[in-house]
Amino acid sequence: MSDQVQVTSQAQDGVIRLSFDETIYPRDAVFGAAYVLLDRAFVHLDHEAGKLIVSVRPKPGAALEASAVAGELENAALAQTWRREIIQENRALIESTTARALNGAGGAPGLDDLLDASLGDLGDAFDDPLGIAVSWEEKYGKKSPEAAAAESQAKDQATEAEEPKK
C-alpha cells in the first residue's frame, strides 16, 4: 500500500469537499456511497484529474460535522468497493443460482412437454397394450345409425325372450 492519501477532505463555507482516488475507489462505488447522504445533504459529484470530487452541503435543518461526514462517506465508499469485488468474484455462482431460480419458477412441465421429452429406455412407458387408456369419445361416443338400429333390435329381441308367455 502506498503512503499517498486516497481520500482528502476540506470544509469551506458550509460545503464539505472530498476527493477520492479513482484508481482505488471505482466510480459506481463512490456514487453508491454518496447515495447514503441524500436524506441529509445535497450531493454534487465531479471528476477532476483522476479523482472523483464529492461536494456535500447540508440540507436546511440538518447539522453535519465535516469530519463525521468525511468518515461516513469514506466508510461507505470502502463498503461499496468491497461489495463490488465480491460480486465480481462470485458472478458465475450468482448467475447460475439466479438461472436455476427463474427456471424453477416456471412450474412443472405439462403433459405435452413430458410426451415430447426423450425418455431413453422408458420410450414405451406410455404404450397401452391392454387398451385401458381409451378415450370417453371412443368408448361412449355417438354410434352410426346402422349400429344404433342393430343395438335397438338386439334389445328388443332380448326383451321378447325374457317376457313370460301367456
Protein backbone atom coordinates (compact mmCIF):
# COMPACT_ATOMS: atom_id res chain seq x y z
CA MET A 1 0.00 0.00 0.00
CA SER A 2 1.28 3.44 -0.83
CA ASP A 3 1.82 6.28 1.59
CA GLN A 4 -0.38 8.56 -0.52
CA VAL A 5 -3.73 9.60 0.87
CA GLN A 6 -6.60 8.08 -1.12
CA VAL A 7 -9.29 10.37 0.30
CA THR A 8 -8.83 14.04 1.20
CA SER A 9 -11.44 16.33 2.68
CA GLN A 10 -11.85 20.02 3.28
CA ALA A 11 -14.69 22.16 4.60
CA GLN A 12 -15.32 25.66 3.32
CA ASP A 13 -18.42 27.89 3.52
CA GLY A 14 -20.59 25.04 4.83
CA VAL A 15 -19.64 22.73 1.95
CA ILE A 16 -17.58 19.61 2.58
CA ARG A 17 -15.44 18.53 -0.39
CA LEU A 18 -13.99 15.04 -0.54
CA SER A 19 -11.59 13.82 -3.17
CA PHE A 20 -11.43 10.04 -3.91
CA ASP A 21 -8.58 8.43 -5.82
CA GLU A 22 -10.29 6.81 -8.83
CA THR A 23 -7.71 4.01 -9.06
CA ILE A 24 -8.82 2.71 -5.65
CA TYR A 25 -12.47 3.75 -5.48
CA PRO A 26 -14.44 2.89 -8.64
CA ARG A 27 -16.94 5.46 -9.85
CA ASP A 28 -20.02 3.35 -9.08
CA ALA A 29 -18.77 2.69 -5.52
CA VAL A 30 -18.44 6.44 -4.87
CA PHE A 31 -21.92 7.01 -6.39
CA GLY A 32 -23.35 4.36 -4.04
CA ALA A 33 -21.59 5.90 -1.06
CA ALA A 34 -22.90 9.38 -1.93
CA TYR A 35 -26.43 7.97 -2.09
CA VAL A 36 -26.21 7.26 1.65
CA LEU A 37 -26.13 11.00 2.39
CA LEU A 38 -29.05 12.10 0.20
CA ASP A 39 -31.53 12.18 3.08
CA ARG A 40 -29.41 14.73 4.99
CA ALA A 41 -27.43 16.65 2.39
CA PHE A 42 -27.23 17.85 -1.19
CA VAL A 43 -24.50 15.94 -3.02
CA HIS A 44 -22.64 17.05 -6.14
CA LEU A 45 -20.26 14.68 -7.95
CA ASP A 46 -17.50 15.79 -10.27
CA HIS A 47 -14.37 14.40 -11.92
CA GLU A 48 -11.02 16.13 -11.90
CA ALA A 49 -7.56 14.75 -12.87
CA GLY A 50 -8.10 11.10 -11.92
CA LYS A 51 -10.02 11.97 -8.80
CA LEU A 52 -13.73 11.90 -8.02
CA ILE A 53 -14.82 15.04 -6.18
CA VAL A 54 -17.85 14.79 -3.89
CA SER A 55 -19.26 18.08 -2.58
CA VAL A 56 -21.69 17.75 0.31
CA ARG A 57 -23.87 20.64 1.56
CA PRO A 58 -26.24 20.01 4.49
CA LYS A 59 -29.97 20.37 3.83
CA PRO A 60 -31.80 23.07 5.81
CA GLY A 61 -32.26 21.94 9.39
CA ALA A 62 -29.58 19.24 9.20
CA ALA A 63 -26.32 19.87 11.02
CA LEU A 64 -23.40 17.89 9.64
CA GLU A 65 -19.92 17.86 11.09
CA ALA A 66 -17.21 17.81 8.41
CA SER A 67 -15.10 15.04 9.94
CA ALA A 68 -18.14 12.83 10.59
CA VAL A 69 -19.39 13.25 7.01
CA ALA A 70 -15.92 12.56 5.61
CA GLY A 71 -15.56 9.42 7.72
CA GLU A 72 -19.04 8.17 6.91
CA LEU A 73 -18.61 8.75 3.17
CA GLU A 74 -15.18 7.09 3.11
CA ASN A 75 -16.51 4.05 5.03
CA ALA A 76 -19.48 3.79 2.69
CA ALA A 77 -17.17 4.00 -0.34
CA LEU A 78 -14.98 1.22 1.08
CA ALA A 79 -18.06 -0.94 1.71
CA GLN A 80 -19.36 -0.34 -1.82
CA THR A 81 -15.95 -1.18 -3.30
CA TRP A 82 -15.78 -4.39 -1.29
CA ARG A 83 -19.32 -5.39 -2.34
CA ARG A 84 -18.37 -4.75 -5.96
CA GLU A 85 -15.32 -7.04 -5.72
CA ILE A 86 -17.33 -9.80 -4.02
CA ILE A 87 -19.93 -9.64 -6.79
CA GLN A 88 -17.26 -9.80 -9.50
CA GLU A 89 -15.56 -12.80 -7.85
CA ASN A 90 -18.84 -14.69 -7.45
CA ARG A 91 -20.53 -13.64 -10.70
CA ALA A 92 -20.74 -17.22 -12.07
CA LEU A 93 -22.32 -18.52 -8.86
CA ILE A 94 -24.81 -15.63 -8.71
CA GLU A 95 -25.80 -16.10 -12.35
CA SER A 96 -26.26 -19.87 -12.07
CA THR A 97 -28.31 -19.54 -8.87
CA THR A 98 -30.49 -16.88 -10.48
CA ALA A 99 -30.96 -19.00 -13.60
CA ARG A 100 -31.99 -22.02 -11.51
CA ALA A 101 -34.44 -19.91 -9.51
CA LEU A 102 -36.02 -18.46 -12.64
CA ASN A 103 -36.17 -21.87 -14.29
CA GLY A 104 -37.92 -23.38 -11.27
CA ALA A 105 -40.41 -20.51 -11.19
CA GLY A 106 -41.87 -21.75 -14.48
CA GLY A 107 -43.63 -24.60 -12.68
CA ALA A 108 -43.81 -28.27 -13.51
CA PRO A 109 -43.75 -29.33 -17.17
CA GLY A 110 -47.08 -30.08 -18.82
CA LEU A 111 -48.18 -33.45 -20.23
CA ASP A 112 -47.32 -32.39 -23.78
CA ASP A 113 -43.80 -31.47 -22.65
CA LEU A 114 -43.41 -34.83 -20.95
CA LEU A 115 -44.68 -36.72 -24.01
CA ASP A 116 -42.31 -34.82 -26.29
CA ALA A 117 -39.32 -35.36 -23.99
CA SER A 118 -36.82 -38.08 -24.73
CA LEU A 119 -37.37 -40.89 -22.22
CA GLY A 120 -34.36 -43.01 -23.11
CA ASP A 121 -35.04 -46.62 -22.03
CA LEU A 122 -38.56 -45.67 -20.95
CA GLY A 123 -39.65 -44.90 -24.53
CA ASP A 124 -42.57 -47.33 -24.36
CA ALA A 125 -43.78 -46.12 -20.95
CA PHE A 126 -46.89 -44.53 -22.50
CA ASP A 127 -47.89 -47.52 -24.64
CA ASP A 128 -51.26 -49.12 -23.83
CA PRO A 129 -51.14 -52.80 -24.85
CA LEU A 130 -54.30 -53.67 -22.81
CA GLY A 131 -56.37 -50.85 -24.28
CA ILE A 132 -57.11 -49.33 -20.87
CA ALA A 133 -56.46 -45.73 -21.89
CA VAL A 134 -59.36 -45.45 -24.35
CA SER A 135 -60.90 -42.01 -24.51
CA TRP A 136 -64.51 -41.42 -23.48
CA GLU A 137 -65.45 -40.44 -27.03
CA GLU A 138 -64.09 -43.69 -28.42
CA LYS A 139 -65.84 -45.79 -25.80
CA TYR A 140 -69.20 -43.96 -25.40
CA GLY A 141 -69.33 -41.64 -28.38
CA LYS A 142 -72.20 -41.41 -30.87
CA LYS A 143 -72.80 -44.51 -32.89
CA SER A 144 -73.61 -44.70 -36.55
CA PRO A 145 -77.35 -45.02 -37.39
CA GLU A 146 -76.87 -48.65 -38.55
CA ALA A 147 -75.13 -49.60 -35.30
CA ALA A 148 -77.83 -47.86 -33.25
CA ALA A 149 -80.59 -49.72 -35.16
CA ALA A 150 -78.83 -53.08 -34.72
CA GLU A 151 -78.40 -52.45 -30.97
CA SER A 152 -82.06 -51.47 -30.62
CA GLN A 153 -83.15 -54.62 -32.46
CA ALA A 154 -80.95 -56.79 -30.23
CA LYS A 155 -82.50 -55.21 -27.11
CA ASP A 156 -86.00 -55.85 -28.44
CA GLN A 157 -85.19 -59.49 -29.10
CA ALA A 158 -83.73 -59.88 -25.61
CA THR A 159 -86.81 -58.32 -24.07
CA GLU A 160 -89.13 -60.67 -26.01
CA ALA A 161 -87.15 -63.69 -24.93
CA GLU A 162 -87.39 -62.68 -21.25
CA GLU A 163 -91.15 -61.99 -21.21
CA PRO A 164 -93.17 -64.95 -19.92
CA LYS A 165 -95.52 -66.40 -22.46
CA LYS A 166 -99.19 -66.36 -21.55
